[in-house]
Amino acid sequence: MTVALCQVAVYSWVGDLPDKSGKYMTTVTEFGCIPVSSDYQTKEYGWLVTSFFNNVIGIEDPGKLTPPDFCQDAELNADSEEEPVDFFSVFLKKH
């Protein structure tokens, strides 16, 4: 039986979400700031935990960033009244 041990130095940050509706904790590697995990706690949903595995620095296949053909004719709906979405808005529900 072979056992491989690996050590990775990480930094963790904790704090309140911008509107103080919950808390967060995020962990990244010391070298390269590669994400390890992100945890968010809200009153409505409780804790949401995301772990990242097999991360690779850079883009191995830049072709994956090319939008599919059906997106060529897509139009931006400038008349939309929806608020812009940012990372934290996924976890914050406005009433």
Protein backbone atom coordinates (compact mmCIF):
# COMPACT_ATOMS: atom_id res chain seq x y z
CA MET A 1 0.00 0.00 0.00
CA THR A 2 1.38 3.38 -1.02
CA VAL A 3 0.32 6.56 0.72
CA ALA A 4 1.16 9.93 -0.80
CA LEU A 5 1.12 12.99 1.39
CA CYS A 6 0.95 16.49 0.01
CA GLN A 7 1.25 19.79 1.82
CA VAL A 8 -0.08 23.06 0.47
CA ALA A 9 0.20 26.42 2.23
CA VAL A 10 -3.09 28.33 2.09
CA TYR A 11 -4.59 31.64 3.13
CA SER A 12 -8.17 31.91 4.42
CA TRP A 13 -10.31 35.02 4.70
CA VAL A 14 -13.53 35.33 6.67
CA GLY A 15 -16.00 38.17 6.91
CA ASP A 16 -19.52 39.42 6.40
CA LEU A 17 -21.25 39.55 3.02
CA PRO A 18 -21.51 43.14 1.70
CA ASP A 19 -25.06 43.71 2.97
CA LYS A 20 -24.36 41.92 6.29
CA SER A 21 -26.94 39.21 5.46
CA GLY A 22 -24.51 36.39 6.08
CA LYS A 23 -20.88 35.36 6.34
CA TYR A 24 -18.22 33.99 4.00
CA MET A 25 -14.94 32.14 4.17
CA THR A 26 -12.66 31.63 1.18
CA THR A 27 -9.37 29.74 0.98
CA VAL A 28 -6.68 30.05 -1.71
CA THR A 29 -3.17 28.65 -2.09
CA GLU A 30 -0.25 30.75 -0.90
CA PHE A 31 1.47 30.50 -4.27
CA GLY A 32 -0.68 31.43 -7.24
CA CYS A 33 -3.86 32.23 -5.28
CA ILE A 34 -5.50 29.10 -6.68
CA PRO A 35 -8.98 28.61 -5.15
CA VAL A 36 -9.32 25.74 -2.69
CA SER A 37 -12.77 26.39 -1.20
CA SER A 38 -15.47 29.02 -0.75
CA ASP A 39 -18.13 28.90 1.96
CA TYR A 40 -21.12 31.27 2.23
CA GLN A 41 -23.74 31.37 4.96
CA THR A 42 -27.08 33.10 4.52
CA LYS A 43 -30.21 33.10 6.67
CA GLU A 44 -32.32 31.82 3.81
CA TYR A 45 -30.13 28.93 2.58
CA GLY A 46 -27.68 28.14 5.37
CA TRP A 47 -24.12 27.24 4.36
CA LEU A 48 -23.14 26.76 0.72
CA VAL A 49 -19.77 25.01 0.44
CA THR A 50 -17.77 24.82 -2.79
CA SER A 51 -14.49 22.91 -3.05
CA PHE A 52 -12.14 23.08 -6.02
CA PHE A 53 -10.10 20.09 -7.22
CA ASN A 54 -7.50 19.55 -9.95
CA ASN A 55 -7.11 23.26 -10.66
CA VAL A 56 -4.74 24.18 -13.47
CA ILE A 57 -3.08 27.56 -13.84
CA GLY A 58 -3.76 29.04 -17.26
CA ILE A 59 -6.04 27.85 -20.01
CA GLU A 60 -5.11 24.52 -21.54
CA ASP A 61 -7.46 24.95 -24.51
CA PRO A 62 -8.18 28.63 -25.34
CA GLY A 63 -10.64 27.40 -27.99
CA LYS A 64 -13.09 26.66 -25.17
CA LEU A 65 -13.50 30.43 -24.75
CA THR A 66 -14.93 30.75 -28.27
CA PRO A 67 -18.70 31.23 -28.06
CA PRO A 68 -20.80 28.59 -29.86
CA ASP A 69 -22.11 29.40 -33.34
CA PHE A 70 -25.67 29.96 -32.12
CA CYS A 71 -24.43 32.99 -30.12
CA GLN A 72 -23.47 34.96 -33.26
CA ASP A 73 -26.95 36.48 -33.63
CA ALA A 74 -27.53 37.07 -29.92
CA GLU A 75 -28.50 40.61 -28.96
CA LEU A 76 -28.13 42.39 -25.66
CA ASN A 77 -31.50 43.39 -24.26
CA ALA A 78 -30.74 47.01 -23.34
CA ASP A 79 -34.35 47.59 -22.25
CA SER A 80 -34.13 45.02 -19.47
CA GLU A 81 -35.00 46.33 -16.02
CA GLU A 82 -33.12 43.56 -14.25
CA GLU A 83 -30.27 44.64 -12.01
CA PRO A 84 -26.74 43.70 -13.06
CA VAL A 85 -25.47 40.50 -11.48
CA ASP A 86 -22.17 40.23 -9.65
CA PHE A 87 -20.61 37.37 -7.70
CA PHE A 88 -22.23 38.18 -4.34
CA SER A 89 -25.69 38.84 -5.82
CA VAL A 90 -26.06 35.09 -6.34
CA PHE A 91 -26.12 34.73 -2.54
CA LEU A 92 -28.13 37.84 -1.74
CA LYS A 93 -31.86 38.02 -2.30
CA LYS A 94 -33.30 41.51 -2.39
CA HIS A 95 -36.86 42.02 -1.11
